[in-house]
N, C-alpha and C. Protein backbone atom coordinates (compact mmCIF):
# COMPACT_ATOMS: atom_id res chain seq x y z
N MET A 1 16.21 -17.31 -8.09
CA MET A 1 17.18 -17.59 -7.17
C MET A 1 17.07 -16.49 -6.04
N HIS A 2 16.59 -15.40 -6.57
CA HIS A 2 16.43 -14.25 -5.39
C HIS A 2 15.42 -14.74 -4.33
N ILE A 3 14.32 -15.31 -4.75
CA ILE A 3 13.38 -15.86 -3.94
C ILE A 3 14.00 -16.67 -3.05
N VAL A 4 14.75 -17.72 -3.31
CA VAL A 4 15.26 -18.77 -2.29
C VAL A 4 16.35 -18.12 -1.26
N MET A 5 16.97 -16.97 -1.94
CA MET A 5 17.82 -16.43 -0.76
C MET A 5 17.11 -15.59 0.16
N VAL A 6 16.04 -14.86 -0.38
CA VAL A 6 15.18 -13.97 0.58
C VAL A 6 14.42 -15.13 1.64
N MET A 7 14.02 -16.19 1.10
CA MET A 7 13.42 -17.20 1.99
C MET A 7 14.55 -17.67 2.92
N GLY A 8 15.65 -18.08 2.54
CA GLY A 8 16.75 -18.65 3.32
C GLY A 8 17.21 -17.49 4.42
N GLY A 9 17.11 -16.25 3.91
CA GLY A 9 17.59 -15.10 5.09
C GLY A 9 16.31 -15.07 6.14
N GLY A 10 15.22 -15.19 5.75
CA GLY A 10 14.19 -15.38 6.68
C GLY A 10 14.07 -16.49 7.72
N LEU A 11 14.62 -17.67 7.05
CA LEU A 11 14.85 -18.79 7.98
C LEU A 11 16.08 -18.50 9.13
N VAL A 12 17.02 -17.92 8.32
CA VAL A 12 18.15 -17.52 9.39
C VAL A 12 17.80 -16.77 10.33
N LEU A 13 16.92 -15.59 10.01
CA LEU A 13 16.52 -14.61 10.89
C LEU A 13 15.83 -15.32 12.13
N LEU A 14 14.85 -16.30 11.64
CA LEU A 14 13.98 -16.85 12.62
C LEU A 14 14.78 -17.85 13.42
N LEU A 15 15.75 -18.31 12.99
CA LEU A 15 16.74 -19.14 13.92
C LEU A 15 17.37 -18.24 14.83
N LEU A 16 17.88 -17.06 14.51
CA LEU A 16 18.40 -15.92 15.34
C LEU A 16 17.42 -15.71 16.48
N PHE A 17 16.18 -15.49 16.02
CA PHE A 17 15.14 -15.10 17.04
C PHE A 17 14.82 -16.20 18.15
N LEU A 18 14.84 -17.42 17.59
CA LEU A 18 14.71 -18.72 18.48
C LEU A 18 16.18 -18.52 19.47
N LEU A 19 17.22 -18.21 18.83
CA LEU A 19 18.44 -18.37 19.84
C LEU A 19 18.28 -17.31 20.89
N PHE A 20 17.89 -16.03 20.37
CA PHE A 20 17.59 -15.09 21.33
C PHE A 20 16.56 -15.34 22.46
N GLY A 21 15.52 -16.38 22.04
CA GLY A 21 14.64 -16.76 22.88
C GLY A 21 15.34 -17.68 23.99
N ARG A 22 16.24 -18.46 23.39
CA ARG A 22 16.89 -19.31 24.49
C ARG A 22 17.61 -18.50 25.29
N LEU A 23 18.22 -17.44 24.90
CA LEU A 23 19.37 -16.63 25.90
C LEU A 23 18.37 -15.81 26.73
N TRP A 24 17.20 -15.33 26.51
CA TRP A 24 16.34 -14.81 27.19
C TRP A 24 15.76 -15.36 28.46
N GLY A 25 15.56 -16.72 28.37
CA GLY A 25 15.21 -17.51 29.37
C GLY A 25 15.19 -18.88 29.32
N ALA A 26 15.32 -19.25 28.24
CA ALA A 26 15.08 -20.76 27.91
C ALA A 26 13.83 -21.44 28.41
N THR A 27 12.65 -20.65 28.45
CA THR A 27 11.47 -21.17 28.83
C THR A 27 10.66 -21.49 27.56
N ALA A 28 9.50 -22.21 27.70
CA ALA A 28 8.86 -22.27 26.49
C ALA A 28 8.09 -20.93 25.98
N PHE A 29 7.80 -20.11 27.13
CA PHE A 29 7.17 -18.85 26.64
C PHE A 29 8.10 -17.95 25.95
N SER A 30 9.37 -17.96 26.28
CA SER A 30 10.38 -17.21 25.66
C SER A 30 10.55 -17.52 24.20
N TYR A 31 10.48 -18.74 23.98
CA TYR A 31 10.49 -19.44 22.42
C TYR A 31 9.52 -19.03 21.61
N ALA A 32 8.25 -19.10 22.17
CA ALA A 32 7.18 -18.64 21.48
C ALA A 32 6.96 -17.42 21.36
N LEU A 33 7.45 -16.56 22.40
CA LEU A 33 7.43 -15.11 22.30
C LEU A 33 8.46 -14.75 21.21
N ALA A 34 9.58 -15.25 21.13
CA ALA A 34 10.46 -15.08 20.15
C ALA A 34 10.19 -15.44 18.69
N ALA A 35 9.40 -16.55 18.53
CA ALA A 35 9.07 -16.88 17.01
C ALA A 35 7.74 -16.12 16.81
N THR A 36 6.87 -15.57 17.52
CA THR A 36 5.84 -14.62 17.19
C THR A 36 6.55 -13.08 17.05
N SER A 37 7.44 -12.80 17.63
CA SER A 37 7.80 -11.48 17.59
C SER A 37 8.57 -11.29 16.24
N PHE A 38 8.94 -12.34 15.53
CA PHE A 38 9.76 -12.49 14.52
C PHE A 38 8.99 -12.01 13.26
N LEU A 39 7.54 -12.27 13.48
CA LEU A 39 6.65 -11.90 12.21
C LEU A 39 6.53 -10.37 11.82
N PRO A 40 6.35 -9.43 12.69
CA PRO A 40 6.38 -8.04 12.34
C PRO A 40 7.54 -7.62 11.43
N LEU A 41 8.59 -7.93 12.09
CA LEU A 41 10.05 -7.61 11.43
C LEU A 41 10.08 -8.35 10.04
N TRP A 42 9.82 -9.62 9.91
CA TRP A 42 9.71 -10.24 8.54
C TRP A 42 8.74 -9.74 7.64
N LEU A 43 7.62 -9.44 8.13
CA LEU A 43 6.70 -8.73 7.11
C LEU A 43 7.17 -7.36 6.68
N ALA A 44 8.01 -6.47 7.65
CA ALA A 44 8.53 -5.29 7.05
C ALA A 44 9.53 -5.51 5.96
N LEU A 45 10.44 -6.59 6.23
CA LEU A 45 11.55 -6.90 5.25
C LEU A 45 10.93 -7.22 3.95
N VAL A 46 10.08 -8.22 3.98
CA VAL A 46 9.38 -8.59 2.61
C VAL A 46 8.79 -7.65 1.88
N VAL A 47 7.95 -6.68 2.74
CA VAL A 47 7.51 -5.44 2.01
C VAL A 47 8.45 -4.54 1.42
N GLY A 48 9.68 -4.38 2.28
CA GLY A 48 10.64 -3.65 1.72
C GLY A 48 11.38 -4.38 0.52
N ASN A 49 11.36 -5.52 0.41
CA ASN A 49 11.70 -6.24 -0.80
C ASN A 49 10.79 -6.06 -1.83
N LEU A 50 9.58 -5.95 -1.70
CA LEU A 50 8.73 -5.75 -2.72
C LEU A 50 8.82 -4.20 -3.09
N TRP A 51 8.98 -3.26 -2.53
CA TRP A 51 9.12 -1.93 -2.70
C TRP A 51 10.47 -1.73 -3.60
N VAL A 52 11.48 -2.39 -3.37
CA VAL A 52 12.71 -2.27 -4.03
C VAL A 52 12.55 -3.00 -5.41
N GLY A 53 11.85 -4.12 -5.51
CA GLY A 53 11.25 -4.69 -6.74
C GLY A 53 10.39 -3.70 -7.66
N VAL A 54 9.62 -3.12 -6.96
CA VAL A 54 8.68 -2.22 -7.89
C VAL A 54 9.49 -0.91 -8.34
N LEU A 55 10.15 -0.43 -7.42
CA LEU A 55 10.70 1.05 -7.55
C LEU A 55 11.91 0.79 -8.51
N HIS A 56 12.82 0.04 -8.01
CA HIS A 56 14.17 -0.04 -8.69
C HIS A 56 14.41 -1.07 -9.62
N ALA A 57 13.72 -2.15 -9.57
CA ALA A 57 13.84 -3.34 -10.54
C ALA A 57 12.98 -3.29 -11.69
N GLY A 58 12.01 -2.37 -11.53
CA GLY A 58 11.01 -2.14 -12.66
C GLY A 58 9.77 -3.12 -12.86
N TYR A 59 9.58 -3.88 -11.67
CA TYR A 59 8.45 -4.92 -11.76
C TYR A 59 7.38 -4.27 -11.38
N GLY A 60 6.16 -4.67 -11.80
CA GLY A 60 4.90 -4.34 -11.40
C GLY A 60 4.42 -4.97 -9.93
N ILE A 61 3.57 -4.23 -9.42
CA ILE A 61 2.98 -4.65 -8.18
C ILE A 61 2.15 -6.08 -8.31
N ARG A 62 1.76 -6.23 -9.39
CA ARG A 62 1.01 -7.53 -9.62
C ARG A 62 1.90 -8.65 -9.85
N GLU A 63 3.18 -8.40 -10.33
CA GLU A 63 4.18 -9.36 -10.41
C GLU A 63 5.00 -9.61 -9.17
N GLU A 64 5.01 -8.79 -8.31
CA GLU A 64 5.87 -8.81 -6.96
C GLU A 64 4.80 -9.18 -5.81
N LEU A 65 3.52 -9.13 -5.96
CA LEU A 65 2.68 -9.36 -4.78
C LEU A 65 2.65 -11.02 -4.65
N PRO A 66 2.72 -11.87 -5.65
CA PRO A 66 2.84 -13.48 -5.38
C PRO A 66 4.24 -13.76 -4.75
N ILE A 67 5.08 -12.92 -5.05
CA ILE A 67 6.64 -13.17 -4.64
C ILE A 67 6.56 -12.90 -3.03
N LEU A 68 6.16 -11.61 -2.67
CA LEU A 68 5.71 -11.29 -1.45
C LEU A 68 5.12 -12.29 -0.46
N VAL A 69 3.91 -12.80 -0.87
CA VAL A 69 3.30 -13.86 -0.28
C VAL A 69 4.05 -15.02 -0.08
N LEU A 70 4.78 -15.51 -1.22
CA LEU A 70 5.61 -16.74 -1.05
C LEU A 70 6.66 -16.62 0.04
N ASN A 71 7.42 -15.30 -0.10
CA ASN A 71 8.64 -15.13 0.81
C ASN A 71 8.21 -14.92 2.06
N PHE A 72 6.92 -14.40 2.55
CA PHE A 72 6.57 -14.22 3.82
C PHE A 72 5.89 -15.48 4.33
N ALA A 73 5.26 -16.29 3.53
CA ALA A 73 4.44 -17.37 4.00
C ALA A 73 5.39 -18.64 4.56
N VAL A 74 6.37 -18.92 3.87
CA VAL A 74 7.13 -20.09 4.26
C VAL A 74 7.94 -19.82 5.63
N PRO A 75 8.46 -18.73 5.96
CA PRO A 75 9.09 -18.47 7.33
C PRO A 75 8.07 -18.14 8.35
N ALA A 76 6.84 -17.72 7.89
CA ALA A 76 6.00 -17.47 8.85
C ALA A 76 5.29 -18.54 9.46
N VAL A 77 4.99 -19.67 8.51
CA VAL A 77 4.35 -20.82 8.79
C VAL A 77 5.27 -21.69 9.81
N LEU A 78 6.76 -21.58 9.47
CA LEU A 78 7.67 -22.29 10.34
C LEU A 78 7.60 -21.63 11.58
N ALA A 79 7.55 -20.07 11.74
CA ALA A 79 7.37 -19.29 12.98
C ALA A 79 6.39 -19.78 13.67
N PHE A 80 4.93 -20.02 13.25
CA PHE A 80 3.87 -20.44 13.81
C PHE A 80 3.92 -21.73 14.36
N ALA A 81 4.56 -22.83 13.65
CA ALA A 81 4.98 -24.10 13.96
C ALA A 81 5.84 -23.94 15.19
N ALA A 82 6.77 -23.30 15.34
CA ALA A 82 7.79 -23.29 16.25
C ALA A 82 7.29 -22.69 17.59
N ALA A 83 6.16 -21.56 17.31
CA ALA A 83 5.59 -21.10 18.54
C ALA A 83 4.52 -22.03 19.18
N TRP A 84 3.87 -22.88 18.31
CA TRP A 84 2.92 -23.87 18.68
C TRP A 84 3.90 -25.04 19.35
N TYR A 85 4.90 -25.41 18.86
CA TYR A 85 5.80 -26.40 19.43
C TYR A 85 6.30 -26.08 20.68
N PHE A 86 6.61 -25.01 21.00
CA PHE A 86 7.10 -24.46 22.33
C PHE A 86 6.24 -24.19 23.30
N ALA A 87 4.99 -23.76 22.76
CA ALA A 87 4.03 -23.36 23.75
C ALA A 87 3.15 -24.37 24.39
N ARG A 88 3.21 -25.48 23.68
CA ARG A 88 2.45 -26.62 24.11
C ARG A 88 2.85 -27.27 25.48
N PRO A 89 1.94 -27.73 26.25
CA PRO A 89 2.61 -28.28 27.68
C PRO A 89 3.41 -29.36 27.49
């Protein structure tokens, strides 16, 4: 259940970034820039989630690493898809 909540949080964060892209200028470039600028922040957040899982929850890095990949990959693929969709002519 925690994986679904983290992934859902990533999707909400991506939607907020796209909303800010609309507020910054409502051009195709601002949407694509917002979608790609989401990625470093999302990576930092899921690495923080891994860190909490290893240090405080008692999981090993080998147990948490596939969860990190899954939590990062789904919103990242959607961010790349949004950047591609808004950047095309």
